[in-house]
N, C-alpha and C. Protein backbone atom coordinates (compact mmCIF):
# COMPACT_ATOMS: atom_id res chain seq x y z
N GLY A 1 82.22 97.06 269.68
CA GLY A 1 81.73 96.07 268.47
C GLY A 1 80.18 95.64 268.43
N LYS A 2 79.80 94.84 267.78
CA LYS A 2 78.62 94.32 267.28
C LYS A 2 78.79 92.83 266.70
N PRO A 3 77.12 92.43 267.20
CA PRO A 3 77.34 90.89 267.39
C PRO A 3 77.51 90.43 266.23
N ASN A 4 78.54 89.00 265.40
CA ASN A 4 78.54 88.79 264.23
C ASN A 4 77.08 87.72 264.26
N PHE A 5 76.10 88.59 263.79
CA PHE A 5 74.85 88.11 263.23
C PHE A 5 74.90 86.62 262.33
N GLU A 6 75.27 86.79 261.56
CA GLU A 6 75.43 85.62 260.56
C GLU A 6 75.97 84.66 261.20
N HIS A 7 76.54 84.34 262.23
CA HIS A 7 77.32 83.32 262.63
C HIS A 7 76.36 82.88 264.19
N LEU A 8 75.46 83.63 264.56
CA LEU A 8 75.04 83.25 265.53
C LEU A 8 73.46 83.09 264.37
N LEU A 9 73.16 82.99 263.56
CA LEU A 9 71.38 82.93 262.76
C LEU A 9 72.03 81.52 262.48
N GLN A 10 73.70 80.94 261.71
CA GLN A 10 73.65 79.87 261.35
C GLN A 10 73.72 78.61 262.58
N LYS A 11 74.31 79.29 263.79
CA LYS A 11 73.95 78.10 264.84
C LYS A 11 72.85 78.22 265.42
N PHE A 12 71.79 79.24 265.31
CA PHE A 12 70.89 79.22 266.84
C PHE A 12 69.35 79.51 266.15
N GLY A 13 69.52 79.97 264.43
CA GLY A 13 68.41 80.69 264.04
C GLY A 13 67.45 80.20 263.96
N GLU A 14 67.35 78.71 264.20
CA GLU A 14 65.84 78.07 264.17
C GLU A 14 65.47 78.03 265.82
N ALA A 15 65.89 78.20 266.52
CA ALA A 15 65.70 78.34 268.14
C ALA A 15 64.81 78.91 268.22
N VAL A 16 63.65 79.22 269.66
CA VAL A 16 62.83 79.90 269.44
C VAL A 16 63.04 80.37 271.25
N VAL A 17 63.30 81.70 271.10
CA VAL A 17 63.95 82.65 272.55
C VAL A 17 62.73 83.63 273.14
N PRO A 18 63.06 83.52 274.47
CA PRO A 18 62.53 84.42 275.18
C PRO A 18 62.86 85.64 275.16
N VAL A 19 61.88 86.74 274.38
CA VAL A 19 62.23 88.29 273.99
C VAL A 19 61.26 89.21 275.17
N ALA A 20 61.67 89.94 276.10
CA ALA A 20 61.01 90.67 276.96
C ALA A 20 61.15 92.25 276.19
N ASN A 21 59.40 92.88 276.24
CA ASN A 21 59.62 93.97 275.71
C ASN A 21 59.79 95.18 276.73
N CYS A 22 60.96 95.36 276.63
CA CYS A 22 61.55 96.69 277.82
C CYS A 22 60.41 97.78 277.83
N ASP A 23 60.19 98.29 276.97
CA ASP A 23 58.96 99.52 276.86
C ASP A 23 58.11 99.20 278.13
N VAL A 24 57.50 97.88 278.31
CA VAL A 24 56.43 98.15 279.04
C VAL A 24 56.28 97.02 280.23
N LYS A 25 55.81 97.54 281.24
CA LYS A 25 55.80 97.56 282.94
C LYS A 25 54.79 96.07 283.27
N GLU A 26 54.68 95.87 283.37
CA GLU A 26 53.42 94.03 284.13
C GLU A 26 54.06 93.84 285.07
N TYR A 27 53.55 94.03 286.32
CA TYR A 27 53.67 93.87 287.71
C TYR A 27 54.91 94.05 288.23
N ASN A 28 55.88 95.41 287.77
CA ASN A 28 57.27 95.34 287.91
C ASN A 28 58.24 94.54 287.32
N SER A 29 57.69 93.89 286.44
CA SER A 29 58.75 93.43 285.10
C SER A 29 58.02 93.97 284.13
N ASN A 30 58.71 93.16 282.55
CA ASN A 30 58.37 93.23 281.61
C ASN A 30 58.05 91.88 280.74
N PRO A 31 56.85 92.12 279.88
CA PRO A 31 56.37 90.98 279.37
C PRO A 31 57.17 90.49 278.51
N LYS A 32 57.14 89.14 278.27
CA LYS A 32 57.78 88.38 277.32
C LYS A 32 57.36 87.52 276.20
N GLU A 33 57.47 87.34 275.53
CA GLU A 33 56.96 86.06 273.87
C GLU A 33 58.38 85.62 273.82
N GLN A 34 57.49 84.68 272.80
CA GLN A 34 58.61 83.33 272.59
C GLN A 34 58.63 83.64 270.74
N LEU A 35 59.85 83.98 270.09
CA LEU A 35 60.05 84.22 269.00
C LEU A 35 60.69 83.29 268.36
N PRO A 36 61.30 83.25 267.21
CA PRO A 36 62.34 82.23 266.81
C PRO A 36 63.54 83.54 266.67
N PHE A 37 64.57 83.04 266.86
CA PHE A 37 65.77 83.57 267.20
C PHE A 37 66.14 84.50 265.92
N LYS A 38 65.82 83.70 264.70
CA LYS A 38 66.08 84.46 263.50
C LYS A 38 64.75 85.69 263.02
N GLU A 39 63.75 85.66 263.63
CA GLU A 39 62.87 86.72 263.92
C GLU A 39 63.53 87.84 264.60
N TYR A 40 64.23 87.51 265.74
CA TYR A 40 64.30 88.76 266.69
C TYR A 40 65.74 89.21 266.21
N VAL A 41 66.43 88.52 265.37
CA VAL A 41 67.91 89.01 264.96
C VAL A 41 67.31 90.22 263.53
N GLU A 42 65.84 89.45 263.13
CA GLU A 42 65.82 90.64 261.68
C GLU A 42 65.31 91.83 263.13
N TYR A 43 64.64 91.85 263.90
CA TYR A 43 64.20 93.22 264.32
C TYR A 43 65.30 93.57 265.11
N TRP A 44 66.45 93.07 265.51
CA TRP A 44 67.45 93.74 266.27
C TRP A 44 68.47 94.61 265.18
N ARG A 45 68.56 94.20 263.63
CA ARG A 45 68.82 94.83 262.81
C ARG A 45 68.20 95.95 262.24
N GLU A 46 66.96 95.84 262.30
CA GLU A 46 65.69 96.80 261.64
C GLU A 46 66.29 98.13 263.03
N TYR A 47 65.94 97.32 264.06
CA TYR A 47 65.72 98.57 265.45
C TYR A 47 67.29 99.45 265.36
N ILE A 48 68.27 98.67 265.23
CA ILE A 48 69.69 99.54 264.57
C ILE A 48 69.89 100.29 263.74
N GLY A 49 68.87 100.08 262.15
CA GLY A 49 68.88 100.75 261.00
C GLY A 49 67.96 102.06 261.32
N ASN A 50 67.02 101.90 262.13
CA ASN A 50 66.27 102.94 262.44
C ASN A 50 66.49 104.16 263.70
N GLY A 51 67.61 104.10 263.71
CA GLY A 51 68.19 104.66 264.57
C GLY A 51 67.77 104.51 266.38
N TYR A 52 67.76 103.26 266.32
CA TYR A 52 67.58 102.76 267.84
C TYR A 52 66.20 102.74 268.08
N ARG A 53 65.19 102.52 267.31
CA ARG A 53 64.03 102.98 267.72
C ARG A 53 63.17 101.88 266.55
N SER A 54 61.69 101.62 267.45
CA SER A 54 60.62 100.35 266.93
C SER A 54 59.58 100.27 267.44
N SER A 55 58.65 100.58 265.84
CA SER A 55 57.09 100.76 266.93
C SER A 55 56.84 99.52 267.68
N ARG A 56 57.78 98.83 267.85
CA ARG A 56 57.48 97.50 268.94
C ARG A 56 58.05 97.37 270.04
N GLY A 57 58.69 98.62 270.11
CA GLY A 57 59.56 98.74 271.85
C GLY A 57 60.83 98.55 271.74
N CYS A 58 61.91 98.48 272.88
CA CYS A 58 62.81 97.79 273.12
C CYS A 58 62.93 96.29 273.37
N LEU A 59 63.07 95.48 272.33
CA LEU A 59 62.79 93.60 272.63
C LEU A 59 63.99 93.47 273.32
N TYR A 60 64.46 92.47 274.00
CA TYR A 60 65.44 92.26 274.50
C TYR A 60 65.48 90.84 274.88
N LEU A 61 66.22 89.46 274.34
CA LEU A 61 66.58 88.57 274.72
C LEU A 61 67.11 88.24 275.86
N LYS A 62 65.93 87.88 276.98
CA LYS A 62 66.29 87.60 278.35
C LYS A 62 66.30 86.48 278.81
N ASP A 63 66.79 85.47 279.75
CA ASP A 63 66.66 84.34 280.28
C ASP A 63 66.46 83.30 279.46
N TRP A 64 67.61 83.18 278.45
CA TRP A 64 67.31 81.83 277.97
C TRP A 64 68.52 80.87 278.14
N HIS A 65 68.04 79.88 278.18
CA HIS A 65 68.87 78.80 278.75
C HIS A 65 69.69 78.22 277.98
N LEU A 66 70.77 78.74 276.89
CA LEU A 66 70.93 78.09 276.14
C LEU A 66 71.90 77.12 276.11
N SER A 67 72.60 76.72 277.66
CA SER A 67 73.16 75.63 277.65
C SER A 67 72.85 74.48 278.66
N ARG A 68 71.47 75.07 278.33
CA ARG A 68 70.89 73.69 279.89
C ARG A 68 70.89 72.13 279.21
N SER A 69 71.44 71.30 280.26
CA SER A 69 71.70 70.09 280.26
C SER A 69 70.10 69.43 279.94
N GLU A 70 70.59 68.13 279.05
CA GLU A 70 69.76 67.72 278.48
C GLU A 70 68.91 66.79 279.35
N LEU A 71 69.83 67.09 280.79
CA LEU A 71 69.28 65.89 281.74
C LEU A 71 68.04 66.85 282.47
N VAL A 72 67.45 67.85 281.91
CA VAL A 72 66.99 68.95 283.12
C VAL A 72 65.72 69.07 281.79
N PRO A 73 64.57 68.87 282.53
CA PRO A 73 63.39 68.97 281.31
C PRO A 73 62.79 69.86 280.54
N LYS A 74 62.53 70.56 279.71
CA LYS A 74 62.61 71.38 278.63
C LYS A 74 61.42 71.85 279.38
N ALA A 75 61.89 73.09 279.78
CA ALA A 75 60.29 73.59 280.22
C ALA A 75 59.83 74.60 279.46
N HIS A 76 58.15 74.25 279.42
CA HIS A 76 57.62 75.73 278.42
C HIS A 76 58.16 76.95 278.10
N GLY A 77 58.45 77.54 277.22
CA GLY A 77 58.95 78.77 277.25
C GLY A 77 59.93 79.15 277.94
N LEU A 78 61.16 78.61 277.89
CA LEU A 78 62.13 78.51 277.75
C LEU A 78 63.49 78.82 276.97
N GLY A 79 62.87 78.58 275.73
CA GLY A 79 63.66 78.36 274.87
C GLY A 79 64.67 77.04 274.47
N ILE A 80 65.05 76.39 273.27
CA ILE A 80 65.79 75.58 273.18
C ILE A 80 66.97 75.78 273.38
N ALA A 81 67.58 74.18 273.82
CA ALA A 81 68.71 74.25 274.45
C ALA A 81 69.91 74.03 273.59
N PHE A 82 71.46 74.15 274.14
CA PHE A 82 72.24 73.61 272.99
C PHE A 82 73.51 72.84 274.02
N PRO A 83 73.20 72.35 274.95
CA PRO A 83 74.03 71.78 276.08
C PRO A 83 75.41 71.29 275.18
N GLU A 84 75.05 70.88 273.75
CA GLU A 84 76.36 69.91 273.44
C GLU A 84 77.29 71.48 272.68
N LEU A 85 77.08 72.30 272.34
CA LEU A 85 78.29 73.28 272.46
C LEU A 85 78.79 73.74 273.14
N ASP A 86 78.92 73.58 274.79
CA ASP A 86 79.41 73.82 275.75
C ASP A 86 80.14 75.08 275.48
N VAL A 87 78.82 76.19 275.79
CA VAL A 87 78.83 77.84 275.75
C VAL A 87 79.25 78.34 277.10
N TYR A 88 79.01 77.92 278.23
CA TYR A 88 79.23 78.14 279.18
C TYR A 88 80.40 77.77 280.18
N THR A 89 81.41 78.80 280.63
CA THR A 89 82.15 78.19 281.54
C THR A 89 82.07 79.17 282.81
N THR A 90 81.98 78.61 284.15
CA THR A 90 81.82 79.87 285.11
C THR A 90 83.37 80.48 285.42
N PRO A 91 83.54 81.87 285.18
CA PRO A 91 84.31 82.48 285.72
C PRO A 91 85.59 82.39 286.92
N VAL A 92 86.63 82.15 286.48
CA VAL A 92 87.55 81.94 287.55
C VAL A 92 87.08 82.70 288.94
N TYR A 93 86.82 83.73 289.37
CA TYR A 93 86.28 84.01 290.64
C TYR A 93 84.74 83.77 291.32
N PHE A 94 84.23 83.13 290.19
CA PHE A 94 83.01 82.49 290.74
C PHE A 94 82.82 81.10 290.31
N SER A 95 84.27 80.50 290.21
CA SER A 95 84.71 79.17 290.60
C SER A 95 83.87 78.20 291.19
N SER A 96 82.98 78.47 292.64
CA SER A 96 82.63 77.98 293.49
C SER A 96 80.75 78.00 293.14
N ASP A 97 80.80 77.60 292.12
CA ASP A 97 78.95 77.91 291.42
C ASP A 97 78.41 77.31 292.10
N TRP A 98 78.08 77.46 293.44
CA TRP A 98 77.27 76.75 294.54
C TRP A 98 75.63 76.79 294.32
N LEU A 99 75.16 77.57 293.86
CA LEU A 99 74.18 77.66 292.94
C LEU A 99 73.53 76.54 291.93
N ASN A 100 74.35 76.42 290.76
CA ASN A 100 73.97 75.89 289.70
C ASN A 100 74.66 74.24 289.96
N GLU A 101 75.79 74.10 291.35
CA GLU A 101 75.92 72.65 292.00
C GLU A 101 74.79 72.37 291.92
N TYR A 102 74.27 73.26 292.90
CA TYR A 102 72.85 72.31 293.35
C TYR A 102 71.54 71.70 292.61
N TRP A 103 71.56 72.90 291.69
CA TRP A 103 70.32 72.35 290.93
C TRP A 103 70.82 71.43 289.56
N ASP A 104 72.08 71.22 289.09
CA ASP A 104 72.42 70.43 288.19
C ASP A 104 72.35 68.95 289.14
N ALA A 105 72.83 68.82 290.52
CA ALA A 105 72.47 67.50 291.08
C ALA A 105 70.80 67.17 290.85
N VAL A 106 70.07 68.07 291.57
CA VAL A 106 69.11 67.70 291.45
C VAL A 106 68.29 67.78 289.86
N ALA A 107 68.94 68.24 288.99
CA ALA A 107 68.45 68.00 287.74
C ALA A 107 66.86 68.22 287.24
N VAL A 108 66.44 69.79 287.78
CA VAL A 108 65.50 70.41 288.21
C VAL A 108 65.30 72.12 287.30
N ASP A 109 66.51 72.74 287.60
CA ASP A 109 66.84 73.87 286.04
C ASP A 109 68.37 74.16 286.47
N ASP A 110 68.63 75.24 286.23
CA ASP A 110 69.74 76.16 286.00
C ASP A 110 70.22 77.64 285.79
N PHE A 111 70.81 78.00 286.19
CA PHE A 111 70.89 79.51 286.36
C PHE A 111 71.78 80.24 285.69
N ARG A 112 71.95 79.60 284.47
CA ARG A 112 72.71 79.78 283.03
C ARG A 112 71.98 80.75 281.63
N PHE A 113 71.77 82.04 282.02
CA PHE A 113 71.04 82.70 281.12
C PHE A 113 72.03 83.51 280.31
N VAL A 114 71.30 83.39 278.96
CA VAL A 114 71.93 84.12 277.81
C VAL A 114 70.83 85.55 277.79
N TYR A 115 71.65 86.79 277.99
CA TYR A 115 71.00 87.92 277.72
C TYR A 115 71.67 88.49 276.76
N MET A 116 70.82 89.19 275.22
CA MET A 116 71.01 89.78 274.43
C MET A 116 70.42 90.79 273.92
N GLY A 117 70.98 92.28 273.11
CA GLY A 117 69.85 93.15 272.66
C GLY A 117 70.37 94.26 272.27
N PRO A 118 69.49 95.13 271.65
CA PRO A 118 70.21 96.01 271.26
C PRO A 118 70.53 96.98 272.41
N LYS A 119 71.25 98.68 272.28
CA LYS A 119 71.11 99.61 273.40
C LYS A 119 69.93 100.08 273.75
N GLY A 120 69.70 101.20 274.41
CA GLY A 120 68.48 101.22 275.05
C GLY A 120 67.58 100.98 275.82
């Protein structure tokens, strides 16, 4: 299947999201830039339309804290959060979410991320 781009744009089009360039390595990691979500979706559609190729490389939305609590300060570069949408539910097999239980209690960070992008 394919993502429902129109729905995602309607909900999150103005959000600024962290995007990694998977074709470039810097210190054993991929460099990231901040892009408006709508620009990232435009790139993704073009990437698919060009046979999964782009002069920009393979960009992947990575480490977006979509559901970050309002209690956690908005750290620069981590994207806009939408805690009111309740988009995250811990799967039953991981119901003892001890890592997030701790970070939620101290209101410093969370480990609930969104990853999405084209194949490749």
